[in-house]
Protein backbone atom coordinates (compact mmCIF):
# COMPACT_ATOMS: atom_id res chain seq x y z
CA MET A 1 20.86 34.31 5.70
CA ALA A 2 23.73 33.76 8.12
CA ASP A 3 24.30 37.42 8.97
CA SER A 4 20.92 38.33 10.43
CA LEU A 5 20.73 41.59 12.31
CA SER A 6 19.46 42.07 15.81
CA PRO A 7 16.52 44.46 16.26
CA GLU A 8 18.87 47.12 17.68
CA GLU A 9 21.22 46.90 14.70
CA LEU A 10 18.28 46.97 12.32
CA ALA A 11 16.91 50.10 13.99
CA LYS A 12 20.34 51.73 13.71
CA HIS A 13 20.50 50.92 9.98
CA LYS A 14 16.96 52.17 9.46
CA LYS A 15 17.81 55.44 11.21
CA SER A 16 20.91 55.82 9.02
CA TYR A 17 18.95 55.13 5.82
CA THR A 18 16.26 57.60 6.84
CA ALA A 19 18.84 60.32 7.57
CA VAL A 20 20.55 59.75 4.22
CA GLY A 21 17.20 59.77 2.43
CA ILE A 22 16.31 63.11 4.03
CA ALA A 23 19.75 64.50 3.14
CA LEU A 24 19.27 63.40 -0.48
CA LEU A 25 15.89 65.12 -0.54
CA VAL A 26 17.42 68.32 0.83
CA PHE A 27 20.24 68.26 -1.73
CA THR A 28 17.73 67.60 -4.51
CA CYS A 29 15.74 70.64 -3.38
CA ILE A 30 18.95 72.69 -3.38
CA THR A 31 19.69 71.55 -6.92
CA LEU A 32 16.17 72.42 -8.01
CA ALA A 33 16.31 75.83 -6.31
CA LEU A 34 19.62 76.65 -7.97
CA GLY A 35 18.15 75.76 -11.33
CA ILE A 36 14.82 77.59 -11.27
CA TRP A 37 14.83 80.23 -8.55
CA PRO A 38 15.21 83.64 -10.28
CA PRO A 39 17.08 85.47 -7.46
CA LEU A 40 19.86 82.91 -7.75
CA ASP A 41 20.20 83.69 -11.45
CA LEU A 42 23.12 86.08 -11.83
CA GLY A 43 21.61 87.73 -14.90
CA VAL A 44 23.83 85.83 -17.30
CA PRO A 45 22.01 83.71 -19.88
CA GLY A 46 23.04 80.09 -19.75
CA ALA A 47 25.06 78.37 -17.09
CA THR A 48 28.04 80.15 -15.60
CA TRP A 49 31.06 78.34 -14.21
CA GLU A 50 29.78 79.01 -10.69
CA ASP A 51 26.54 77.19 -11.55
CA VAL A 52 28.51 74.25 -12.88
CA VAL A 53 30.78 74.08 -9.81
CA ILE A 54 27.86 74.27 -7.38
CA GLY A 55 25.86 71.71 -9.35
CA LEU A 56 28.76 69.26 -9.59
CA THR A 57 29.54 69.69 -5.89
CA VAL A 58 25.96 68.91 -4.89
CA ALA A 59 25.89 65.96 -7.31
CA GLY A 60 29.18 64.66 -5.91
CA VAL A 61 27.90 64.83 -2.34
CA LYS A 62 24.71 63.02 -3.32
CA ALA A 63 26.63 60.34 -5.22
CA SER A 64 28.98 59.86 -2.26
CA LEU A 65 26.06 59.41 0.13
CA VAL A 66 24.45 56.83 -2.12
CA ALA A 67 27.70 54.95 -2.72
CA LEU A 68 28.83 54.92 0.90
CA ILE A 69 25.52 54.19 2.62
CA PHE A 70 23.15 52.47 0.19
CA MET A 71 25.86 50.53 -1.66
CA HIS A 72 27.68 49.75 1.63
CA LEU A 73 31.06 50.94 0.35
CA ASN A 74 31.90 52.38 3.75
CA HIS A 75 32.37 48.80 5.00
CA GLU A 76 34.48 47.56 2.10
CA LYS A 77 38.10 46.52 2.19
CA SER A 78 40.85 48.88 1.04
CA LEU A 79 41.18 47.24 -2.40
CA ILE A 80 37.89 48.75 -3.58
CA TYR A 81 39.17 52.21 -2.67
CA LYS A 82 42.29 51.64 -4.77
CA PHE A 83 40.08 50.76 -7.73
CA LEU A 84 37.91 53.83 -7.12
CA LEU A 85 40.99 56.05 -6.89
CA PHE A 86 42.35 54.64 -10.15
CA THR A 87 38.97 55.18 -11.81
CA PHE A 88 38.86 58.77 -10.57
CA PHE A 89 42.30 59.59 -11.95
CA PHE A 90 41.45 57.86 -15.24
CA PHE A 91 38.32 60.03 -15.47
CA LEU A 92 40.38 63.16 -14.74
CA GLY A 93 42.80 62.14 -17.49
CA LEU A 94 39.95 61.82 -19.98
CA MET A 95 38.63 65.24 -18.99
CA PHE A 96 42.06 66.81 -19.44
CA LEU A 97 42.37 65.17 -22.86
CA THR A 98 39.17 66.94 -23.81
CA LEU A 99 40.58 70.26 -22.60
CA PHE A 100 43.85 69.69 -24.43
CA ALA A 101 41.91 69.01 -27.62
CA LEU A 102 40.32 72.45 -27.29
CA TRP A 103 43.79 74.06 -27.16
CA ASP A 104 45.16 72.08 -30.11
CA PRO A 105 47.13 74.48 -32.38
CA ILE A 106 46.58 72.31 -35.45
CA ARG A 107 42.82 72.40 -34.99
CA GLU A 108 42.98 76.16 -34.48
CA ALA A 109 44.97 76.56 -37.70
CA ILE A 110 42.47 74.46 -39.64
CA ASP A 111 39.53 76.35 -38.15
CA SER A 112 41.08 79.72 -38.98
CA TYR A 113 41.84 78.56 -42.54
CA TYR A 114 38.23 77.57 -43.19
CA THR A 115 36.68 80.60 -41.47
CA ARG A 116 38.71 83.09 -43.53
CA GLY A 117 36.63 82.15 -46.50
């Protein structure tokens, strides 16, 4: 192990890991509260788009904390960020393909043909 840490550096890393662990616990409690706490329910059965946006935002923050701190991506070279950016846009493209499939006029015509009876 050529890159051994001094006690001061180790204490700094331990403090950082502890802070991120506490933040992850807090965000997990927020996610749980949003899911089961009745006053936060807007009276609409099922998940509303606000629930989805809040849930995905909290999940994104938690995933970013884990990736940057525990996976040490905050110390990586710029090439890894280019790969991550490409992966993000590829994922967005796949999500938009799903949305475009919902608005497909041919599928709508076939669905209306079979639902008319």
